[in-house]
């Protein structure tokens, strides 16, 4: 049987981030906290912390132990507050990192099997790829969603799985493109809102423009898909964008897809690391997204507003 006194000391250190602060919170000596954690590690047969300079950092086993400790003390707190017979089961936690420029619609599609489930909690952290890779390495997130594959690293064998590919389209405000389907003519005469040079889409676009001998005006070069969508919606120019990004606007009719651009696709990856303890919920989400049906099936359509009612602009 686990000693819950030892577990509480571990729980305090994991959340406080240091032995000193945990000892102060528990009103005991620092050495007492250290001894209790050593006993818990001996009981579990695994180290729960490792030192990085002056900091104590959770090991992979420590992160898993903290998940259970959080659930245990949450249930204990509920028991103290209320003697109810309809206690909810312990929740699974899915920690997701998403590159800040990634389509929000894609993120929702990836998470859709876990949404609205009372037994699943979801946390999402966005940021730069290099920052999120560090969070993945330190077990602070379970999976990283990106449209760029990480660099290969012998010391860190990233598991990079292709989970979806989306066509890239030429999309414009209805007042600008009308019913035109002549995408070459629009590329030649209209200002464009395009991804920046760092984007994989941009390399394909530049190659396409070169093959067509076109030098269009770039009204804006944007690395964030939400901002690119807003600019196209504000009629700054015609957008070169994956269709999933502007799904809502295409459904409402505010934007129109002129054509899918040949040879251009946005690629989405789910990045993980080999784990001793695999989160089964994360594995299921990755498998669902990577399946042929999941990739081929469009996202659920947005309902059109009833006649006489104005449609609200979707949030970024």
Protein backbone atom coordinates (compact mmCIF):
# COMPACT_ATOMS: atom_id res chain seq x y z
CA UNK A 1 0.00 0.00 0.00
CA UNK A 2 1.23 3.46 -0.86
CA UNK A 3 2.00 5.84 2.00
CA UNK A 4 -0.18 8.87 1.32
CA UNK A 5 1.91 10.97 3.68
CA UNK A 6 4.90 10.43 1.42
CA UNK A 7 2.71 11.15 -1.60
CA UNK A 8 1.56 14.49 -0.15
CA UNK A 9 5.16 15.61 0.37
CA UNK A 10 5.95 14.70 -3.24
CA UNK A 11 2.79 16.49 -4.42
CA UNK A 12 3.78 19.65 -2.55
CA UNK A 13 7.32 19.70 -3.99
CA UNK A 14 6.06 19.05 -7.53
CA UNK A 15 3.67 22.01 -7.34
CA UNK A 16 5.91 24.36 -5.35
CA UNK A 17 8.94 23.65 -7.54
CA UNK A 18 11.46 23.40 -4.71
CA UNK A 19 12.10 21.64 -1.41
CA UNK A 20 12.38 24.96 0.41
CA UNK A 21 8.98 26.28 -0.62
CA UNK A 22 7.30 22.92 -0.06
CA UNK A 23 8.81 22.65 3.43
CA UNK A 24 7.53 26.12 4.28
CA UNK A 25 4.05 25.28 2.99
CA UNK A 26 3.97 22.03 4.99
CA UNK A 27 5.55 23.68 8.06
CA UNK A 28 8.27 21.05 8.33
CA UNK A 29 12.02 21.02 7.76
CA UNK A 30 13.53 20.72 4.30
CA UNK A 31 15.36 17.56 5.32
CA UNK A 32 12.08 15.97 6.41
CA UNK A 33 10.58 16.63 2.98
CA UNK A 34 13.67 15.17 1.27
CA UNK A 35 13.53 12.00 3.38
CA UNK A 36 9.81 11.45 2.65
CA UNK A 37 10.36 11.78 -1.09
CA UNK A 38 13.26 9.33 -0.97
CA UNK A 39 11.00 6.83 0.79
CA UNK A 40 8.30 7.29 -1.86
CA UNK A 41 10.85 6.79 -4.66
CA UNK A 42 12.09 3.63 -2.93
CA UNK A 43 8.49 2.39 -2.63
CA UNK A 44 7.74 3.06 -6.31
CA UNK A 45 11.13 1.88 -7.52
CA UNK A 46 11.65 4.92 -9.75
CA UNK A 47 13.22 8.38 -9.39
CA UNK A 48 10.58 11.11 -9.42
CA UNK A 49 12.83 14.16 -9.70
CA UNK A 50 16.12 15.01 -11.32
CA UNK A 51 18.29 18.05 -10.75
CA UNK A 52 18.95 20.52 -13.56
CA UNK A 53 21.28 23.09 -12.05
CA UNK A 54 19.49 24.38 -8.96
CA UNK A 55 16.06 23.26 -10.13
CA UNK A 56 14.17 20.06 -9.38
CA UNK A 57 12.52 18.77 -12.55
CA UNK A 58 10.02 15.92 -12.75
CA UNK A 59 11.12 12.77 -14.51
CA UNK A 60 8.67 10.99 -16.80
CA UNK A 61 7.73 8.71 -13.90
CA UNK A 62 7.35 11.80 -11.71
CA UNK A 63 4.96 13.41 -14.18
CA UNK A 64 2.84 10.25 -14.23
CA UNK A 65 2.90 10.07 -10.43
CA UNK A 66 1.80 13.70 -10.25
CA UNK A 67 -1.18 12.96 -12.52
CA UNK A 68 -2.33 10.31 -10.06
CA UNK A 69 -1.54 12.47 -7.03
CA UNK A 70 -3.60 15.33 -8.46
CA UNK A 71 -6.53 12.99 -9.00
CA UNK A 72 -6.17 11.45 -5.53
CA UNK A 73 -6.10 14.75 -3.68
CA UNK A 74 -8.87 16.19 -5.84
CA UNK A 75 -11.10 13.28 -4.86
CA UNK A 76 -10.04 13.66 -1.25
CA UNK A 77 -10.97 17.33 -1.33
CA UNK A 78 -14.37 16.54 -2.79
CA UNK A 79 -14.94 13.95 -0.07
CA UNK A 80 -14.18 16.51 2.61
CA UNK A 81 -16.52 19.05 1.02
CA UNK A 82 -19.43 16.80 0.33
CA UNK A 83 -20.64 13.28 0.98
CA UNK A 84 -22.23 12.65 -2.37
CA UNK A 85 -22.87 9.25 -3.93
CA UNK A 86 -22.56 10.46 -7.51
CA UNK A 87 -18.85 11.13 -7.50
CA UNK A 88 -17.48 11.64 -11.01
CA UNK A 89 -14.76 9.21 -12.12
CA UNK A 90 -11.16 10.41 -12.23
CA UNK A 91 -10.53 12.36 -15.42
CA UNK A 92 -7.92 11.66 -18.05
CA UNK A 93 -5.82 14.71 -18.87
CA UNK A 94 -4.62 15.42 -22.42
CA UNK A 95 -1.90 18.06 -22.62
CA UNK A 96 -1.52 19.46 -26.11
CA UNK A 97 1.03 21.89 -27.49
CA UNK A 98 0.16 23.66 -30.74
CA UNK A 99 2.42 25.84 -32.85
CA UNK A 100 1.00 29.36 -32.57
CA UNK A 101 0.50 29.71 -36.33
CA UNK A 102 -1.49 26.47 -36.62
CA UNK A 103 -5.08 26.53 -37.86
CA UNK A 104 -7.57 26.61 -34.98
CA UNK A 105 -10.02 24.61 -37.07
CA UNK A 106 -7.46 21.83 -37.46
CA UNK A 107 -6.82 21.82 -33.71
CA UNK A 108 -10.54 21.43 -33.05
CA UNK A 109 -10.78 18.63 -35.61
CA UNK A 110 -7.87 16.79 -33.96
CA UNK A 111 -9.40 17.13 -30.48
CA UNK A 112 -13.01 16.46 -31.53
CA UNK A 113 -13.11 12.81 -30.25
CA UNK A 114 -12.22 14.05 -26.75
CA UNK A 115 -14.39 17.16 -26.64
CA UNK A 116 -17.54 17.12 -24.47
CA UNK A 117 -16.36 14.00 -22.64
CA UNK A 118 -16.84 14.42 -18.89
CA UNK A 119 -13.97 12.01 -18.16
CA UNK A 120 -11.40 13.91 -20.24
CA UNK A 121 -9.71 17.20 -19.42
CA UNK A 122 -7.81 19.10 -22.12
CA UNK A 123 -5.09 21.72 -21.80
CA UNK A 124 -3.69 23.52 -24.84
CA UNK A 125 -0.49 25.55 -24.89
CA UNK A 126 0.59 27.49 -27.96
CA UNK A 127 3.98 28.91 -28.81
CA UNK A 128 7.03 28.62 -31.01
CA UNK A 129 8.09 25.16 -32.16
CA UNK A 130 11.40 25.23 -30.26
CA UNK A 131 9.64 26.20 -27.00
CA UNK A 132 7.03 23.48 -27.36
CA UNK A 133 9.70 20.88 -28.13
CA UNK A 134 11.28 21.70 -24.77
CA UNK A 135 7.90 21.24 -23.06
CA UNK A 136 7.50 17.89 -24.80
CA UNK A 137 10.98 16.86 -23.70
CA UNK A 138 10.22 17.74 -20.06
CA UNK A 139 6.89 15.83 -20.11
CA UNK A 140 4.80 19.00 -19.69
CA UNK A 141 2.81 18.21 -22.84
CA UNK A 142 1.84 14.83 -24.30
CA UNK A 143 1.70 15.74 -27.98
CA UNK A 144 2.79 18.65 -30.14
CA UNK A 145 0.77 19.68 -33.20
CA UNK A 146 2.74 21.43 -35.92
CA UNK A 147 2.72 22.18 -39.63
CA UNK A 148 6.52 21.87 -39.66
CA UNK A 149 8.45 18.69 -38.92
CA UNK A 150 11.04 19.14 -36.13
CA UNK A 151 14.75 18.87 -36.90
CA UNK A 152 16.23 15.42 -36.43
CA UNK A 153 18.11 15.02 -33.15
CA UNK A 154 20.07 11.91 -32.19
CA UNK A 155 19.66 12.74 -28.51
CA UNK A 156 15.90 13.25 -28.79
CA UNK A 157 14.25 10.76 -31.17
CA UNK A 158 11.10 12.72 -32.03
CA UNK A 159 8.26 10.56 -33.29
CA UNK A 160 6.80 12.67 -36.08
CA UNK A 161 3.58 11.34 -37.57
CA UNK A 162 1.78 12.82 -40.55
CA UNK A 163 -1.85 13.13 -39.44
CA UNK A 164 -3.46 15.28 -42.14
CA UNK A 165 -2.92 17.12 -45.38
CA UNK A 166 -5.13 19.97 -46.51
CA UNK A 167 -5.39 21.52 -49.98
CA UNK A 168 -4.32 25.14 -50.32
CA UNK A 169 -6.79 27.38 -52.09
CA UNK A 170 -7.05 30.81 -53.61
CA UNK A 171 -9.78 32.47 -51.54
CA UNK A 172 -11.18 35.99 -51.73
CA UNK A 173 -13.91 38.23 -50.44
CA UNK A 174 -17.10 37.81 -52.43
CA UNK A 175 -17.00 41.51 -53.45
CA UNK A 176 -13.53 41.06 -54.92
CA UNK A 177 -13.71 37.73 -56.72
CA UNK A 178 -17.41 37.59 -57.64
CA UNK A 179 -18.07 34.33 -59.44
CA UNK A 180 -14.70 34.20 -61.16
CA UNK A 181 -12.99 30.84 -61.51
CA UNK A 182 -10.04 32.17 -63.52
CA UNK A 183 -7.44 31.83 -60.78
CA UNK A 184 -4.50 32.62 -63.08
CA UNK A 185 -6.03 35.97 -64.00
CA UNK A 186 -6.71 36.78 -60.36
CA UNK A 187 -3.15 35.89 -59.40
CA UNK A 188 -1.89 38.23 -62.09
CA UNK A 189 -3.98 41.29 -61.21
CA UNK A 190 -5.08 41.14 -57.57
CA UNK A 191 -2.97 41.79 -54.45
CA UNK A 192 -2.28 38.66 -52.44
CA UNK A 193 -2.20 37.85 -48.75
CA UNK A 194 0.29 35.00 -48.40
CA UNK A 195 2.19 33.01 -45.76
CA UNK A 196 5.73 34.14 -44.92
CA UNK A 197 8.88 32.63 -46.36
CA UNK A 198 9.23 30.26 -43.39
CA UNK A 199 6.01 28.47 -44.33
CA UNK A 200 6.09 25.27 -46.34
CA UNK A 201 3.16 26.64 -48.36
CA UNK A 202 5.20 29.64 -49.47
CA UNK A 203 7.88 27.54 -51.15
CA UNK A 204 5.24 25.81 -53.27
CA UNK A 205 3.53 29.13 -54.06
CA UNK A 206 6.78 30.76 -55.22
CA UNK A 207 7.48 27.77 -57.47
CA UNK A 208 3.96 27.98 -58.95
CA UNK A 209 4.25 31.73 -59.62
CA UNK A 210 7.64 31.20 -61.27
CA UNK A 211 6.25 28.47 -63.51
CA UNK A 212 3.42 30.82 -64.57
CA UNK A 213 5.85 33.73 -65.06
CA UNK A 214 3.83 35.89 -62.65
CA UNK A 215 5.05 38.58 -60.24
CA UNK A 216 1.95 39.57 -58.25
CA UNK A 217 1.80 42.22 -55.54
CA UNK A 218 1.91 40.87 -52.00
CA UNK A 219 -0.40 43.01 -49.91
CA UNK A 220 0.72 41.19 -46.76
CA UNK A 221 2.95 38.30 -45.75
CA UNK A 222 1.64 36.71 -42.54
CA UNK A 223 2.91 33.83 -40.41
CA UNK A 224 -0.30 33.44 -38.42
CA UNK A 225 -3.22 31.73 -40.13
CA UNK A 226 -5.82 33.47 -37.96
CA UNK A 227 -4.45 36.88 -39.00
CA UNK A 228 -4.24 35.81 -42.64
CA UNK A 229 -7.89 34.80 -42.48
CA UNK A 230 -8.87 38.14 -40.95
CA UNK A 231 -7.04 40.09 -43.66
CA UNK A 232 -8.78 38.17 -46.42
CA UNK A 233 -12.09 38.67 -44.64
CA UNK A 234 -11.39 42.42 -44.52
CA UNK A 235 -10.74 42.33 -48.30
CA UNK A 236 -7.08 43.34 -48.02
CA UNK A 237 -6.34 40.95 -50.86
CA UNK A 238 -6.88 37.42 -52.12
CA UNK A 239 -5.59 34.79 -49.72
CA UNK A 240 -3.44 31.76 -50.35
CA UNK A 241 -4.63 29.61 -47.50
CA UNK A 242 -5.59 26.03 -46.59
CA UNK A 243 -9.33 25.67 -47.02
CA UNK A 244 -9.74 24.36 -43.46
CA UNK A 245 -8.61 27.75 -42.11
CA UNK A 246 -11.49 29.62 -43.77
CA UNK A 247 -14.08 26.88 -43.47
CA UNK A 248 -16.56 29.05 -41.54
CA UNK A 249 -16.34 31.95 -44.01
CA UNK A 250 -16.78 29.63 -46.98
CA UNK A 251 -19.85 28.11 -45.35
CA UNK A 252 -21.37 31.54 -44.67
CA UNK A 253 -20.58 32.81 -48.18
CA UNK A 254 -18.50 35.76 -46.93
CA UNK A 255 -15.50 34.31 -48.74
CA UNK A 256 -15.38 32.33 -51.96
CA UNK A 257 -12.96 29.69 -53.05
CA UNK A 258 -11.76 30.43 -56.55
CA UNK A 259 -9.70 27.27 -56.98
CA UNK A 260 -7.43 24.80 -55.29
CA UNK A 261 -3.89 25.68 -56.29
CA UNK A 262 -2.11 22.78 -57.99
CA UNK A 263 0.71 21.17 -56.04
CA UNK A 264 0.12 23.16 -52.83
CA UNK A 265 -0.82 21.37 -49.61
CA UNK A 266 -0.56 22.16 -45.91
CA UNK A 267 0.85 19.27 -43.89
CA UNK A 268 0.00 18.64 -40.23
CA UNK A 269 2.12 16.58 -37.85
CA UNK A 270 1.62 15.10 -34.40
CA UNK A 271 4.97 14.99 -32.61
CA UNK A 272 5.65 12.82 -29.56
CA UNK A 273 8.57 11.16 -27.82
CA UNK A 274 8.94 7.49 -26.91
CA UNK A 275 7.32 7.11 -23.48
CA UNK A 276 7.48 4.43 -20.85
CA UNK A 277 3.92 5.41 -19.92
CA UNK A 278 1.86 6.18 -23.00
CA UNK A 279 -1.27 8.29 -22.61
CA UNK A 280 -3.89 6.06 -24.32
CA UNK A 281 -6.16 9.03 -25.05
CA UNK A 282 -3.39 10.79 -26.99
CA UNK A 283 -2.59 7.64 -28.95
CA UNK A 284 -6.26 7.34 -29.88
CA UNK A 285 -6.47 10.95 -31.04
CA UNK A 286 -3.40 10.54 -33.25
CA UNK A 287 -4.71 7.29 -34.75
CA UNK A 288 -8.11 8.86 -35.45
CA UNK A 289 -6.57 11.91 -37.13
CA UNK A 290 -4.18 9.83 -39.20
CA UNK A 291 -6.77 7.37 -40.46
CA UNK A 292 -7.75 7.69 -44.10
CA UNK A 293 -11.37 8.42 -43.22
CA UNK A 294 -10.45 11.15 -40.74
CA UNK A 295 -8.18 12.88 -43.25
CA UNK A 296 -10.69 12.64 -46.07
CA UNK A 297 -13.79 13.62 -44.09
CA UNK A 298 -14.45 17.37 -43.95
CA UNK A 299 -15.16 19.07 -40.67
CA UNK A 300 -18.83 19.36 -39.67
CA UNK A 301 -20.55 22.09 -41.62
CA UNK A 302 -21.47 25.30 -39.85
CA UNK A 303 -25.18 26.00 -39.90
CA UNK A 304 -26.20 28.88 -42.07
CA UNK A 305 -28.10 31.62 -40.23
CA UNK A 306 -31.85 31.67 -40.72
CA UNK A 307 -33.23 34.09 -43.26
CA UNK A 308 -33.48 37.63 -41.95
CA UNK A 309 -30.77 37.15 -39.35
CA UNK A 310 -27.29 38.53 -39.73
CA UNK A 311 -24.43 36.08 -39.40
CA UNK A 312 -21.91 36.86 -36.72
CA UNK A 313 -18.30 37.00 -37.74
CA UNK A 314 -16.48 33.97 -36.35
CA UNK A 315 -13.88 34.57 -33.72
CA UNK A 316 -10.25 34.40 -34.64
